């Protein structure tokens, strides 16, 4: 699409939508950057268990599973 046609299309939108259009342009810019960086940078090897021991959670984490299940019984 030629730039002139895109400019005409952009001018047809009410100004109240310009922030949303700008956010979409930012998303497209990020997408282009991400795709071009994938082509140039080699992938890092994933090391299984890298975060082992770094997350703390209570030992009784599943203690209230039955109560939660009962509360949402009609949805399960």
PDB file of N, CA and C in Angstrom:
ATOM      1  N   UNK A   1       0.858  -1.175   0.000  1.00  0.00           N
ATOM      2  CA  UNK A   1       0.000   0.000   0.000  1.00  0.00           C
ATOM      3  C   UNK A   1       0.898   1.230   0.000  1.00  0.00           C
ATOM      4  N   UNK A   2       0.666   2.122  -0.903  1.00  0.00           N
ATOM      5  CA  UNK A   2       1.463   3.349  -0.948  1.00  0.00           C
ATOM      6  C   UNK A   2       1.234   4.205   0.296  1.00  0.00           C
ATOM      7  N   UNK A   3       2.240   4.959   0.643  1.00  0.00           N
ATOM      8  CA  UNK A   3       2.172   5.808   1.832  1.00  0.00           C
ATOM      9  C   UNK A   3       1.042   6.825   1.724  1.00  0.00           C
ATOM     10  N   UNK A   4       0.807   7.347   0.537  1.00  0.00           N
ATOM     11  CA  UNK A   4      -0.259   8.338   0.334  1.00  0.00           C
ATOM     12  C   UNK A   4      -1.635   7.731   0.665  1.00  0.00           C
ATOM     13  N   UNK A   5      -1.862   6.482   0.226  1.00  0.00           N
ATOM     14  CA  UNK A   5      -3.138   5.820   0.506  1.00  0.00           C
ATOM     15  C   UNK A   5      -3.291   5.553   1.992  1.00  0.00           C
ATOM     16  N   UNK A   6      -2.203   5.172   2.632  1.00  0.00           N
ATOM     17  CA  UNK A   6      -2.233   4.926   4.076  1.00  0.00           C
ATOM     18  C   UNK A   6      -2.513   6.222   4.834  1.00  0.00           C
ATOM     19  N   UNK A   7      -1.911   7.311   4.353  1.00  0.00           N
ATOM     20  CA  UNK A   7      -2.134   8.611   4.987  1.00  0.00           C
ATOM     21  C   UNK A   7      -3.597   9.046   4.849  1.00  0.00           C
ATOM     22  N   UNK A   8      -4.189   8.806   3.693  1.00  0.00           N
ATOM     23  CA  UNK A   8      -5.589   9.149   3.490  1.00  0.00           C
ATOM     24  C   UNK A   8      -6.498   8.317   4.401  1.00  0.00           C
ATOM     25  N   UNK A   9      -6.148   7.048   4.541  1.00  0.00           N
ATOM     26  CA  UNK A   9      -6.917   6.169   5.410  1.00  0.00           C
ATOM     27  C   UNK A   9      -6.824   6.645   6.861  1.00  0.00           C
ATOM     28  N   UNK A  10      -5.624   7.019   7.276  1.00  0.00           N
ATOM     29  CA  UNK A  10      -5.412   7.505   8.636  1.00  0.00           C
ATOM     30  C   UNK A  10      -6.199   8.794   8.883  1.00  0.00           C
ATOM     31  N   UNK A  11      -6.223   9.664   7.903  1.00  0.00           N
ATOM     32  CA  UNK A  11      -6.961  10.931   8.041  1.00  0.00           C
ATOM     33  C   UNK A  11      -8.468  10.733   8.082  1.00  0.00           C
ATOM     34  N   UNK A  12      -8.946   9.577   7.639  1.00  0.00           N
ATOM     35  CA  UNK A  12     -10.387   9.325   7.664  1.00  0.00           C
ATOM     36  C   UNK A  12     -10.888   8.932   9.055  1.00  0.00           C
ATOM     37  N   UNK A  13      -9.968   8.598   9.967  1.00  0.00           N
ATOM     38  CA  UNK A  13     -10.360   8.217  11.324  1.00  0.00           C
ATOM     39  C   UNK A  13     -10.556   9.463  12.184  1.00  0.00           C
ATOM     40  N   UNK A  14     -11.502   9.407  13.119  1.00  0.00           N
ATOM     41  CA  UNK A  14     -11.642  10.513  14.075  1.00  0.00           C
ATOM     42  C   UNK A  14     -10.404  10.590  14.967  1.00  0.00           C
ATOM     43  N   UNK A  15     -10.074  11.793  15.382  1.00  0.00           N
ATOM     44  CA  UNK A  15      -8.855  12.020  16.166  1.00  0.00           C
ATOM     45  C   UNK A  15      -8.866  11.253  17.488  1.00  0.00           C
ATOM     46  N   UNK A  16     -10.033  10.917  17.996  1.00  0.00           N
ATOM     47  CA  UNK A  16     -10.124  10.203  19.270  1.00  0.00           C
ATOM     48  C   UNK A  16      -9.537   8.789  19.193  1.00  0.00           C
ATOM     49  N   UNK A  17      -9.339   8.272  17.980  1.00  0.00           N
ATOM     50  CA  UNK A  17      -8.769   6.932  17.810  1.00  0.00           C
ATOM     51  C   UNK A  17      -7.266   6.950  17.563  1.00  0.00           C
ATOM     52  N   UNK A  18      -6.662   8.122  17.499  1.00  0.00           N
ATOM     53  CA  UNK A  18      -5.238   8.211  17.180  1.00  0.00           C
ATOM     54  C   UNK A  18      -4.358   7.539  18.230  1.00  0.00           C
ATOM     55  N   UNK A  19      -4.738   7.605  19.499  1.00  0.00           N
ATOM     56  CA  UNK A  19      -3.939   6.935  20.538  1.00  0.00           C
ATOM     57  C   UNK A  19      -3.932   5.428  20.318  1.00  0.00           C
ATOM     58  N   UNK A  20      -5.065   4.874  19.961  1.00  0.00           N
ATOM     59  CA  UNK A  20      -5.159   3.436  19.714  1.00  0.00           C
ATOM     60  C   UNK A  20      -4.365   3.042  18.464  1.00  0.00           C
ATOM     61  N   UNK A  21      -4.436   3.865  17.441  1.00  0.00           N
ATOM     62  CA  UNK A  21      -3.667   3.606  16.220  1.00  0.00           C
ATOM     63  C   UNK A  21      -2.177   3.682  16.517  1.00  0.00           C
ATOM     64  N   UNK A  22      -1.781   4.669  17.310  1.00  0.00           N
ATOM     65  CA  UNK A  22      -0.380   4.805  17.692  1.00  0.00           C
ATOM     66  C   UNK A  22       0.091   3.591  18.485  1.00  0.00           C
ATOM     67  N   UNK A  23      -0.750   3.071  19.383  1.00  0.00           N
ATOM     68  CA  UNK A  23      -0.403   1.879  20.156  1.00  0.00           C
ATOM     69  C   UNK A  23      -0.219   0.687  19.224  1.00  0.00           C
ATOM     70  N   UNK A  24      -1.042   0.595  18.188  1.00  0.00           N
ATOM     71  CA  UNK A  24      -0.897  -0.486  17.221  1.00  0.00           C
ATOM     72  C   UNK A  24       0.406  -0.347  16.439  1.00  0.00           C
ATOM     73  N   UNK A  25       0.767   0.885  16.079  1.00  0.00           N
ATOM     74  CA  UNK A  25       2.041   1.114  15.406  1.00  0.00           C
ATOM     75  C   UNK A  25       3.208   0.687  16.302  1.00  0.00           C
ATOM     76  N   UNK A  26       3.108   0.990  17.599  1.00  0.00           N
ATOM     77  CA  UNK A  26       4.146   0.564  18.542  1.00  0.00           C
ATOM     78  C   UNK A  26       4.247  -0.956  18.590  1.00  0.00           C
ATOM     79  N   UNK A  27       3.103  -1.633  18.569  1.00  0.00           N
ATOM     80  CA  UNK A  27       3.094  -3.089  18.564  1.00  0.00           C
ATOM     81  C   UNK A  27       3.757  -3.631  17.299  1.00  0.00           C
ATOM     82  N   UNK A  28       3.448  -3.034  16.159  1.00  0.00           N
ATOM     83  CA  UNK A  28       4.072  -3.465  14.914  1.00  0.00           C
ATOM     84  C   UNK A  28       5.575  -3.219  14.926  1.00  0.00           C
ATOM     85  N   UNK A  29       6.001  -2.098  15.486  1.00  0.00           N
ATOM     86  CA  UNK A  29       7.435  -1.803  15.595  1.00  0.00           C
ATOM     87  C   UNK A  29       8.135  -2.849  16.448  1.00  0.00           C
ATOM     88  N   UNK A  30       7.511  -3.213  17.558  1.00  0.00           N
ATOM     89  CA  UNK A  30       8.083  -4.239  18.426  1.00  0.00           C
ATOM     90  C   UNK A  30       8.159  -5.584  17.699  1.00  0.00           C
ATOM     91  N   UNK A  31       7.114  -5.904  16.946  1.00  0.00           N
ATOM     92  CA  UNK A  31       7.085  -7.160  16.199  1.00  0.00           C
ATOM     93  C   UNK A  31       8.213  -7.201  15.171  1.00  0.00           C
ATOM     94  N   UNK A  32       8.397  -6.113  14.449  1.00  0.00           N
ATOM     95  CA  UNK A  32       9.472  -6.047  13.455  1.00  0.00           C
ATOM     96  C   UNK A  32      10.823  -6.202  14.146  1.00  0.00           C
ATOM     97  N   UNK A  33      11.014  -5.516  15.276  1.00  0.00           N
ATOM     98  CA  UNK A  33      12.273  -5.607  16.007  1.00  0.00           C
ATOM     99  C   UNK A  33      12.520  -7.043  16.485  1.00  0.00           C
ATOM    100  N   UNK A  34      11.473  -7.678  17.006  1.00  0.00           N
ATOM    101  CA  UNK A  34      11.617  -9.044  17.518  1.00  0.00           C
ATOM    102  C   UNK A  34      11.937 -10.018  16.388  1.00  0.00           C
ATOM    103  N   UNK A  35      11.273  -9.867  15.271  1.00  0.00           N
ATOM    104  CA  UNK A  35      11.516 -10.778  14.153  1.00  0.00           C
ATOM    105  C   UNK A  35      12.900 -10.583  13.553  1.00  0.00           C
ATOM    106  N   UNK A  36      13.371  -9.354  13.466  1.00  0.00           N
ATOM    107  CA  UNK A  36      14.704  -9.127  12.905  1.00  0.00           C
ATOM    108  C   UNK A  36      15.789  -9.558  13.873  1.00  0.00           C
ATOM    109  N   UNK A  37      15.543  -9.442  15.178  1.00  0.00           N
ATOM    110  CA  UNK A  37      16.561  -9.872  16.138  1.00  0.00           C
ATOM    111  C   UNK A  37      16.658 -11.387  16.192  1.00  0.00           C
ATOM    112  N   UNK A  38      15.556 -12.097  15.915  1.00  0.00           N
ATOM    113  CA  UNK A  38      15.592 -13.555  15.897  1.00  0.00           C
ATOM    114  C   UNK A  38      16.457 -14.067  14.753  1.00  0.00           C
ATOM    115  N   UNK A  39      16.498 -13.321  13.663  1.00  0.00           N
ATOM    116  CA  UNK A  39      17.286 -13.742  12.519  1.00  0.00           C
ATOM    117  C   UNK A  39      18.776 -13.577  12.779  1.00  0.00           C
ATOM    118  N   UNK A  40      19.149 -12.598  13.599  1.00  0.00           N
ATOM    119  CA  UNK A  40      20.565 -12.308  13.802  1.00  0.00           C
ATOM    120  C   UNK A  40      21.142 -12.953  15.060  1.00  0.00           C
ATOM    121  N   UNK A  41      20.333 -13.129  16.090  1.00  0.00           N
ATOM    122  CA  UNK A  41      20.836 -13.682  17.344  1.00  0.00           C
ATOM    123  C   UNK A  41      20.543 -15.179  17.423  1.00  0.00           C
ATOM    124  N   UNK A  42      21.543 -15.972  17.790  1.00  0.00           N
ATOM    125  CA  UNK A  42      21.268 -17.399  17.968  1.00  0.00           C
ATOM    126  C   UNK A  42      20.435 -17.613  19.234  1.00  0.00           C
ATOM    127  N   UNK A  43      19.635 -18.649  19.228  1.00  0.00           N
ATOM    128  CA  UNK A  43      18.799 -18.959  20.386  1.00  0.00           C
ATOM    129  C   UNK A  43      19.662 -19.451  21.535  1.00  0.00           C
ATOM    130  N   UNK A  44      19.319 -19.001  22.739  1.00  0.00           N
ATOM    131  CA  UNK A  44      20.017 -19.489  23.910  1.00  0.00           C
ATOM    132  C   UNK A  44      19.448 -20.848  24.275  1.00  0.00           C
ATOM    133  N   UNK A  45      20.310 -21.720  24.690  1.00  0.00           N
ATOM    134  CA  UNK A  45      19.874 -23.049  25.074  1.00  0.00           C
ATOM    135  C   UNK A  45      19.142 -22.976  26.414  1.00  0.00           C
ATOM    136  N   UNK A  46      17.983 -23.606  26.497  1.00  0.00           N
ATOM    137  CA  UNK A  46      17.202 -23.638  27.725  1.00  0.00           C
ATOM    138  C   UNK A  46      17.779 -24.705  28.639  1.00  0.00           C
ATOM    139  N   UNK A  47      18.046 -24.319  29.870  1.00  0.00           N
ATOM    140  CA  UNK A  47      18.604 -25.257  30.839  1.00  0.00           C
ATOM    141  C   UNK A  47      17.479 -25.705  31.760  1.00  0.00           C
ATOM    142  N   UNK A  48      17.069 -26.991  31.691  1.00  0.00           N
ATOM    143  CA  UNK A  48      15.987 -27.470  32.560  1.00  0.00           C
ATOM    144  C   UNK A  48      16.358 -27.332  34.033  1.00  0.00           C
ATOM    145  N   UNK A  49      15.397 -26.919  34.838  1.00  0.00           N
ATOM    146  CA  UNK A  49      15.613 -26.818  36.274  1.00  0.00           C
ATOM    147  C   UNK A  49      16.386 -25.586  36.693  1.00  0.00           C
ATOM    148  N   UNK A  50      16.528 -24.624  35.813  1.00  0.00           N
ATOM    149  CA  UNK A  50      17.310 -23.432  36.105  1.00  0.00           C
ATOM    150  C   UNK A  50      16.759 -22.659  37.302  1.00  0.00           C
ATOM    151  N   UNK A  51      15.439 -22.667  37.494  1.00  0.00           N
ATOM    152  CA  UNK A  51      14.818 -21.918  38.595  1.00  0.00           C
ATOM    153  C   UNK A  51      14.503 -22.797  39.800  1.00  0.00           C
ATOM    154  N   UNK A  52      14.989 -24.027  39.790  1.00  0.00           N
ATOM    155  CA  UNK A  52      14.701 -24.935  40.906  1.00  0.00           C
ATOM    156  C   UNK A  52      15.183 -24.337  42.226  1.00  0.00           C
ATOM    157  N   UNK A  53      14.291 -24.332  43.211  1.00  0.00           N
ATOM    158  CA  UNK A  53      14.636 -23.825  44.532  1.00  0.00           C
ATOM    159  C   UNK A  53      14.511 -22.315  44.683  1.00  0.00           C
ATOM    160  N   UNK A  54      14.190 -21.605  43.622  1.00  0.00           N
ATOM    161  CA  UNK A  54      14.091 -20.153  43.693  1.00  0.00           C
ATOM    162  C   UNK A  54      12.691 -19.677  44.025  1.00  0.00           C
ATOM    163  N   UNK A  55      11.695 -20.553  43.961  1.00  0.00           N
ATOM    164  CA  UNK A  55      10.317 -20.189  44.235  1.00  0.00           C
ATOM    165  C   UNK A  55       9.885 -20.836  45.541  1.00  0.00           C
ATOM    166  N   UNK A  56       9.360 -20.035  46.445  1.00  0.00           N
ATOM    167  CA  UNK A  56       8.903 -20.564  47.726  1.00  0.00           C
ATOM    168  C   UNK A  56       7.386 -20.613  47.716  1.00  0.00           C
ATOM    169  N   UNK A  57       6.843 -21.710  48.181  1.00  0.00           N
ATOM    170  CA  UNK A  57       5.401 -21.858  48.293  1.00  0.00           C
ATOM    171  C   UNK A  57       5.115 -22.692  49.534  1.00  0.00           C
ATOM    172  N   UNK A  58       3.937 -22.504  50.127  1.00  0.00           N
ATOM    173  CA  UNK A  58       3.628 -23.235  51.360  1.00  0.00           C
ATOM    174  C   UNK A  58       3.506 -24.733  51.112  1.00  0.00           C
ATOM    175  N   UNK A  59       3.844 -25.514  52.124  1.00  0.00           N
ATOM    176  CA  UNK A  59       3.775 -26.971  51.980  1.00  0.00           C
ATOM    177  C   UNK A  59       2.337 -27.452  51.832  1.00  0.00           C
ATOM    178  N   UNK A  60       1.390 -26.693  52.385  1.00  0.00           N
ATOM    179  CA  UNK A  60      -0.019 -27.080  52.280  1.00  0.00           C
ATOM    180  C   UNK A  60      -0.727 -26.304  51.170  1.00  0.00           C
ATOM    181  N   UNK A  61      -0.058 -26.113  50.071  1.00  0.00           N
ATOM    182  CA  UNK A  61      -0.594 -25.305  48.979  1.00  0.00           C
ATOM    183  C   UNK A  61      -1.911 -25.856  48.441  1.00  0.00           C
ATOM    184  N   UNK A  62      -2.109 -27.135  48.520  1.00  0.00           N
ATOM    185  CA  UNK A  62      -3.329 -27.764  48.017  1.00  0.00           C
ATOM    186  C   UNK A  62      -4.349 -28.037  49.117  1.00  0.00           C
ATOM    187  N   UNK A  63      -4.157 -27.441  50.285  1.00  0.00           N
ATOM    188  CA  UNK A  63      -5.008 -27.736  51.432  1.00  0.00           C
ATOM    189  C   UNK A  63      -6.473 -27.360  51.209  1.00  0.00           C
ATOM    190  N   UNK A  64      -6.742 -26.329  50.444  1.00  0.00           N
ATOM    191  CA  UNK A  64      -8.112 -25.862  50.273  1.00  0.00           C
ATOM    192  C   UNK A  64      -8.688 -26.177  48.896  1.00  0.00           C
ATOM    193  N   UNK A  65      -8.068 -27.091  48.178  1.00  0.00           N
ATOM    194  CA  UNK A  65      -8.548 -27.438  46.839  1.00  0.00           C
ATOM    195  C   UNK A  65      -9.991 -27.926  46.854  1.00  0.00           C
ATOM    196  N   UNK A  66     -10.340 -28.762  47.817  1.00  0.00           N
ATOM    197  CA  UNK A  66     -11.692 -29.313  47.890  1.00  0.00           C
ATOM    198  C   UNK A  66     -12.715 -28.205  48.155  1.00  0.00           C
ATOM    199  N   UNK A  67     -12.385 -27.263  49.037  1.00  0.00           N
ATOM    200  CA  UNK A  67     -13.302 -26.159  49.332  1.00  0.00           C
ATOM    201  C   UNK A  67     -13.511 -25.279  48.103  1.00  0.00           C
ATOM    202  N   UNK A  68     -12.457 -25.000  47.376  1.00  0.00           N
ATOM    203  CA  UNK A  68     -12.569 -24.183  46.163  1.00  0.00           C
ATOM    204  C   UNK A  68     -13.382 -24.930  45.115  1.00  0.00           C
ATOM    205  N   UNK A  69     -13.140 -26.218  44.987  1.00  0.00           N
ATOM    206  CA  UNK A  69     -13.898 -27.033  44.034  1.00  0.00           C
ATOM    207  C   UNK A  69     -15.385 -27.018  44.384  1.00  0.00           C
ATOM    208  N   UNK A  70     -15.702 -27.106  45.680  1.00  0.00           N
ATOM    209  CA  UNK A  70     -17.101 -27.067  46.103  1.00  0.00           C
ATOM    210  C   UNK A  70     -17.748 -25.716  45.781  1.00  0.00           C
ATOM    211  N   UNK A  71     -16.998 -24.632  45.946  1.00  0.00           N
ATOM    212  CA  UNK A  71     -17.538 -23.307  45.664  1.00  0.00           C
ATOM    213  C   UNK A  71     -17.838 -23.123  44.172  1.00  0.00           C
ATOM    214  N   UNK A  72     -17.033 -23.742  43.327  1.00  0.00           N
ATOM    215  CA  UNK A  72     -17.215 -23.600  41.883  1.00  0.00           C
ATOM    216  C   UNK A  72     -17.761 -24.863  41.246  1.00  0.00           C
ATOM    217  N   UNK A  73     -18.470 -25.634  42.025  1.00  0.00           N
ATOM    218  CA  UNK A  73     -18.990 -26.937  41.560  1.00  0.00           C
ATOM    219  C   UNK A  73     -19.864 -26.800  40.313  1.00  0.00           C
ATOM    220  N   UNK A  74     -20.671 -25.759  40.264  1.00  0.00           N
ATOM    221  CA  UNK A  74     -21.581 -25.605  39.116  1.00  0.00           C
ATOM    222  C   UNK A  74     -20.820 -25.275  37.826  1.00  0.00           C
ATOM    223  N   UNK A  75     -19.576 -24.840  37.921  1.00  0.00           N
ATOM    224  CA  UNK A  75     -18.792 -24.502  36.739  1.00  0.00           C
ATOM    225  C   UNK A  75     -17.853 -25.627  36.310  1.00  0.00           C
ATOM    226  N   UNK A  76     -17.644 -26.585  37.189  1.00  0.00           N
ATOM    227  CA  UNK A  76     -16.701 -27.677  36.895  1.00  0.00           C
ATOM    228  C   UNK A  76     -17.389 -28.824  36.223  1.00  0.00           C
TER     229      UNK A  76
END
